[in-house]
């Protein structure tokens, strides 16, 4: 399993959530197995998202989709108030 970890400033949570929901089918089609959304307790203008995929390749492909399609336009990413930081994470096995 791999996780696409995304974080960035937002202008408004409800606007951002509405935009996030518009891409639900794209997430399903890309193979997202689970999703988690967080906000720091002290900052309601910041969001963190974790999307789980079966493989790092699938997570990386979706990251590219976000960078080239979703985040490339204010029309497709309302609520985004800064540059997103995204990286693919893989679990570490501890013996």
N, C-alpha and C. Protein backbone atom coordinates (compact mmCIF):
# COMPACT_ATOMS: atom_id res chain seq x y z
N UNK A 1 0.83 -1.17 0.00
CA UNK A 1 0.00 0.00 0.00
C UNK A 1 0.89 1.25 0.00
N UNK A 2 0.38 2.32 -0.61
CA UNK A 2 1.06 3.62 -0.63
C UNK A 2 0.02 4.70 -0.32
N UNK A 3 0.50 5.78 0.26
CA UNK A 3 -0.38 6.89 0.60
C UNK A 3 0.11 8.15 -0.09
N UNK A 4 -0.80 8.84 -0.75
CA UNK A 4 -0.50 10.16 -1.29
C UNK A 4 -0.87 11.16 -0.20
N UNK A 5 0.14 11.83 0.33
CA UNK A 5 -0.05 12.82 1.40
C UNK A 5 0.01 14.20 0.77
N UNK A 6 -1.05 14.99 1.00
CA UNK A 6 -1.19 16.32 0.40
C UNK A 6 -1.49 17.31 1.51
N UNK A 7 -0.87 18.48 1.44
CA UNK A 7 -1.23 19.54 2.37
C UNK A 7 -1.06 20.89 1.72
N UNK A 8 -1.94 21.82 2.11
CA UNK A 8 -1.89 23.17 1.55
C UNK A 8 -2.85 24.10 2.28
N UNK A 9 -2.61 25.42 2.14
CA UNK A 9 -3.54 26.40 2.70
C UNK A 9 -4.84 26.40 1.90
N UNK A 10 -5.93 26.76 2.57
CA UNK A 10 -7.23 26.91 1.91
C UNK A 10 -7.83 28.26 2.29
N UNK A 11 -8.75 28.73 1.46
CA UNK A 11 -9.41 29.99 1.76
C UNK A 11 -10.69 29.77 2.56
N UNK A 12 -11.36 28.64 2.30
CA UNK A 12 -12.65 28.37 2.94
C UNK A 12 -12.90 26.87 2.90
N UNK A 13 -13.20 26.28 4.04
CA UNK A 13 -13.37 24.82 4.12
C UNK A 13 -14.54 24.33 3.27
N UNK A 14 -15.68 24.99 3.34
CA UNK A 14 -16.85 24.52 2.59
C UNK A 14 -16.62 24.58 1.08
N UNK A 15 -15.99 25.64 0.62
CA UNK A 15 -15.67 25.75 -0.82
C UNK A 15 -14.71 24.63 -1.21
N UNK A 16 -13.69 24.41 -0.38
CA UNK A 16 -12.72 23.37 -0.68
C UNK A 16 -13.37 21.99 -0.69
N UNK A 17 -14.21 21.70 0.32
CA UNK A 17 -14.88 20.39 0.38
C UNK A 17 -15.77 20.16 -0.83
N UNK A 18 -16.45 21.18 -1.29
CA UNK A 18 -17.30 21.06 -2.47
C UNK A 18 -16.45 20.69 -3.70
N UNK A 19 -15.32 21.36 -3.86
CA UNK A 19 -14.43 21.04 -4.97
C UNK A 19 -13.86 19.62 -4.83
N UNK A 20 -13.50 19.25 -3.61
CA UNK A 20 -12.97 17.90 -3.37
C UNK A 20 -14.00 16.85 -3.77
N UNK A 21 -15.25 17.06 -3.43
CA UNK A 21 -16.30 16.09 -3.77
C UNK A 21 -16.52 15.96 -5.28
N UNK A 22 -16.29 17.04 -6.02
CA UNK A 22 -16.46 16.96 -7.48
C UNK A 22 -15.51 15.97 -8.12
N UNK A 23 -14.42 15.64 -7.45
CA UNK A 23 -13.44 14.71 -7.99
C UNK A 23 -13.53 13.32 -7.36
N UNK A 24 -14.65 13.01 -6.74
CA UNK A 24 -14.83 11.70 -6.10
C UNK A 24 -14.71 10.58 -7.12
N UNK A 25 -15.33 10.74 -8.27
CA UNK A 25 -15.26 9.69 -9.30
C UNK A 25 -13.83 9.53 -9.82
N UNK A 26 -13.11 10.62 -9.98
CA UNK A 26 -11.71 10.54 -10.42
C UNK A 26 -10.87 9.78 -9.40
N UNK A 27 -11.14 10.01 -8.11
CA UNK A 27 -10.40 9.27 -7.07
C UNK A 27 -10.72 7.78 -7.15
N UNK A 28 -12.00 7.46 -7.27
CA UNK A 28 -12.38 6.03 -7.38
C UNK A 28 -11.72 5.39 -8.60
N UNK A 29 -11.79 6.08 -9.73
CA UNK A 29 -11.22 5.56 -10.96
C UNK A 29 -9.70 5.39 -10.91
N UNK A 30 -9.06 6.21 -10.08
CA UNK A 30 -7.60 6.12 -9.94
C UNK A 30 -7.18 5.06 -8.94
N UNK A 31 -8.15 4.48 -8.25
CA UNK A 31 -7.83 3.39 -7.32
C UNK A 31 -7.67 3.80 -5.87
N UNK A 32 -8.22 4.93 -5.48
CA UNK A 32 -8.14 5.33 -4.08
C UNK A 32 -8.93 4.34 -3.23
N UNK A 33 -8.27 3.75 -2.25
CA UNK A 33 -8.89 2.74 -1.37
C UNK A 33 -9.49 3.36 -0.12
N UNK A 34 -8.90 4.44 0.35
CA UNK A 34 -9.38 5.12 1.54
C UNK A 34 -8.89 6.55 1.49
N UNK A 35 -9.61 7.43 2.17
CA UNK A 35 -9.20 8.82 2.22
C UNK A 35 -9.42 9.37 3.63
N UNK A 36 -8.52 10.26 4.03
CA UNK A 36 -8.63 10.92 5.32
C UNK A 36 -8.34 12.40 5.11
N UNK A 37 -9.13 13.24 5.75
CA UNK A 37 -8.96 14.69 5.66
C UNK A 37 -8.78 15.22 7.07
N UNK A 38 -7.77 16.06 7.24
CA UNK A 38 -7.47 16.62 8.55
C UNK A 38 -7.29 18.13 8.44
N UNK A 39 -7.54 18.81 9.57
CA UNK A 39 -7.16 20.20 9.72
C UNK A 39 -6.42 20.34 11.03
N UNK A 40 -5.37 21.15 11.05
CA UNK A 40 -4.72 21.40 12.33
C UNK A 40 -5.70 22.06 13.29
N UNK A 41 -5.66 21.69 14.53
CA UNK A 41 -6.59 22.23 15.53
C UNK A 41 -6.49 23.74 15.63
N UNK A 42 -5.31 24.28 15.37
CA UNK A 42 -5.11 25.71 15.53
C UNK A 42 -5.16 26.50 14.21
N UNK A 43 -5.51 25.83 13.10
CA UNK A 43 -5.47 26.53 11.80
C UNK A 43 -6.58 26.04 10.89
N UNK A 44 -7.69 26.77 10.84
CA UNK A 44 -8.81 26.37 10.00
C UNK A 44 -8.64 26.79 8.54
N UNK A 45 -7.48 27.32 8.21
CA UNK A 45 -7.17 27.71 6.83
C UNK A 45 -6.09 26.81 6.23
N UNK A 46 -6.02 25.58 6.74
CA UNK A 46 -5.03 24.62 6.25
C UNK A 46 -5.68 23.26 6.22
N UNK A 47 -5.31 22.44 5.23
CA UNK A 47 -5.92 21.12 5.08
C UNK A 47 -4.83 20.09 4.79
N UNK A 48 -5.03 18.89 5.29
CA UNK A 48 -4.15 17.76 4.99
C UNK A 48 -5.03 16.62 4.51
N UNK A 49 -4.60 15.96 3.45
CA UNK A 49 -5.37 14.87 2.86
C UNK A 49 -4.44 13.68 2.68
N UNK A 50 -4.94 12.50 3.00
CA UNK A 50 -4.21 11.27 2.74
C UNK A 50 -5.11 10.34 1.93
N UNK A 51 -4.58 9.92 0.79
CA UNK A 51 -5.29 9.01 -0.11
C UNK A 51 -4.50 7.72 -0.22
N UNK A 52 -5.12 6.60 0.08
CA UNK A 52 -4.44 5.30 0.04
C UNK A 52 -4.68 4.61 -1.30
N UNK A 53 -3.61 4.03 -1.83
CA UNK A 53 -3.62 3.30 -3.10
C UNK A 53 -2.96 1.93 -2.89
N UNK A 54 -3.21 1.02 -3.82
CA UNK A 54 -2.56 -0.29 -3.74
C UNK A 54 -1.07 -0.21 -4.01
N UNK A 55 -0.66 0.73 -4.90
CA UNK A 55 0.75 0.81 -5.29
C UNK A 55 1.24 2.25 -5.28
N UNK A 56 2.55 2.40 -5.16
CA UNK A 56 3.16 3.72 -5.24
C UNK A 56 2.98 4.30 -6.64
N UNK A 57 2.99 3.47 -7.64
CA UNK A 57 2.80 3.94 -9.01
C UNK A 57 1.42 4.57 -9.19
N UNK A 58 0.39 3.94 -8.66
CA UNK A 58 -0.96 4.49 -8.75
C UNK A 58 -1.05 5.83 -8.01
N UNK A 59 -0.43 5.92 -6.85
CA UNK A 59 -0.42 7.17 -6.08
C UNK A 59 0.32 8.26 -6.85
N UNK A 60 1.44 7.91 -7.46
CA UNK A 60 2.22 8.87 -8.23
C UNK A 60 1.45 9.35 -9.47
N UNK A 61 0.74 8.43 -10.11
CA UNK A 61 -0.07 8.81 -11.27
C UNK A 61 -1.17 9.79 -10.88
N UNK A 62 -1.79 9.57 -9.73
CA UNK A 62 -2.84 10.48 -9.29
C UNK A 62 -2.25 11.83 -8.88
N UNK A 63 -1.08 11.82 -8.29
CA UNK A 63 -0.38 13.06 -7.95
C UNK A 63 -0.15 13.88 -9.23
N UNK A 64 0.28 13.23 -10.29
CA UNK A 64 0.48 13.92 -11.57
C UNK A 64 -0.83 14.51 -12.09
N UNK A 65 -1.92 13.76 -11.96
CA UNK A 65 -3.24 14.25 -12.37
C UNK A 65 -3.61 15.52 -11.59
N UNK A 66 -3.38 15.50 -10.30
CA UNK A 66 -3.69 16.66 -9.48
C UNK A 66 -2.86 17.87 -9.93
N UNK A 67 -1.57 17.64 -10.16
CA UNK A 67 -0.67 18.73 -10.54
C UNK A 67 -1.00 19.33 -11.91
N UNK A 68 -1.35 18.48 -12.86
CA UNK A 68 -1.53 18.95 -14.24
C UNK A 68 -2.97 19.33 -14.58
N UNK A 69 -3.93 18.80 -13.84
CA UNK A 69 -5.34 19.06 -14.16
C UNK A 69 -6.02 19.87 -13.06
N UNK A 70 -6.02 19.35 -11.86
CA UNK A 70 -6.80 19.97 -10.77
C UNK A 70 -6.15 21.26 -10.28
N UNK A 71 -4.91 21.20 -9.89
CA UNK A 71 -4.26 22.37 -9.30
C UNK A 71 -3.80 23.39 -10.34
N UNK A 72 -3.89 23.06 -11.60
CA UNK A 72 -3.42 23.95 -12.66
C UNK A 72 -4.36 25.12 -12.92
N UNK A 73 -5.56 25.07 -12.37
CA UNK A 73 -6.56 26.10 -12.66
C UNK A 73 -7.34 26.46 -11.40
N UNK A 74 -7.62 27.73 -11.23
CA UNK A 74 -8.44 28.15 -10.09
C UNK A 74 -9.88 27.68 -10.26
N UNK A 75 -10.30 27.44 -11.50
CA UNK A 75 -11.66 26.94 -11.73
C UNK A 75 -11.84 25.53 -11.20
N UNK A 76 -10.81 24.71 -11.30
CA UNK A 76 -10.91 23.33 -10.83
C UNK A 76 -10.44 23.16 -9.39
N UNK A 77 -9.87 24.21 -8.83
CA UNK A 77 -9.39 24.10 -7.44
C UNK A 77 -9.77 25.31 -6.60
N UNK A 78 -11.08 25.65 -6.56
CA UNK A 78 -11.48 26.76 -5.69
C UNK A 78 -11.24 26.37 -4.23
N UNK A 79 -10.91 27.35 -3.47
CA UNK A 79 -10.61 27.08 -2.07
C UNK A 79 -9.13 26.88 -1.82
N UNK A 80 -8.38 26.57 -2.87
CA UNK A 80 -6.94 26.41 -2.74
C UNK A 80 -6.33 27.79 -2.57
N UNK A 81 -5.54 27.99 -1.51
CA UNK A 81 -5.02 29.31 -1.22
C UNK A 81 -3.50 29.34 -1.16
N UNK A 82 -2.88 28.38 -1.78
CA UNK A 82 -1.42 28.32 -1.78
C UNK A 82 -0.96 27.14 -2.59
N UNK A 83 0.31 26.92 -2.61
CA UNK A 83 0.89 25.82 -3.38
C UNK A 83 0.77 24.52 -2.61
N UNK A 84 0.13 23.51 -3.21
CA UNK A 84 0.04 22.21 -2.54
C UNK A 84 1.41 21.52 -2.48
N UNK A 85 1.61 20.81 -1.41
CA UNK A 85 2.79 19.96 -1.26
C UNK A 85 2.26 18.53 -1.20
N UNK A 86 2.75 17.70 -2.11
CA UNK A 86 2.27 16.31 -2.17
C UNK A 86 3.45 15.38 -2.31
N UNK A 87 3.35 14.25 -1.64
CA UNK A 87 4.40 13.23 -1.79
C UNK A 87 3.78 11.86 -1.55
N UNK A 88 4.36 10.89 -2.21
CA UNK A 88 3.92 9.50 -2.07
C UNK A 88 4.69 8.88 -0.91
N UNK A 89 3.95 8.29 0.02
CA UNK A 89 4.55 7.65 1.19
C UNK A 89 4.35 6.15 1.12
N UNK A 90 5.35 5.42 1.53
CA UNK A 90 5.25 3.96 1.62
C UNK A 90 5.54 3.56 3.07
N UNK A 91 4.85 2.53 3.56
CA UNK A 91 5.05 2.12 4.95
C UNK A 91 6.44 1.55 5.18
N UNK A 92 6.91 1.73 6.38
CA UNK A 92 8.20 1.20 6.80
C UNK A 92 7.92 0.05 7.76
N UNK A 93 8.54 -1.07 7.50
CA UNK A 93 8.38 -2.22 8.39
C UNK A 93 9.39 -2.14 9.51
N UNK A 94 8.88 -2.23 10.72
CA UNK A 94 9.76 -2.19 11.90
C UNK A 94 9.83 -3.60 12.47
N UNK A 95 11.04 -4.08 12.62
CA UNK A 95 11.24 -5.45 13.12
C UNK A 95 11.14 -5.49 14.62
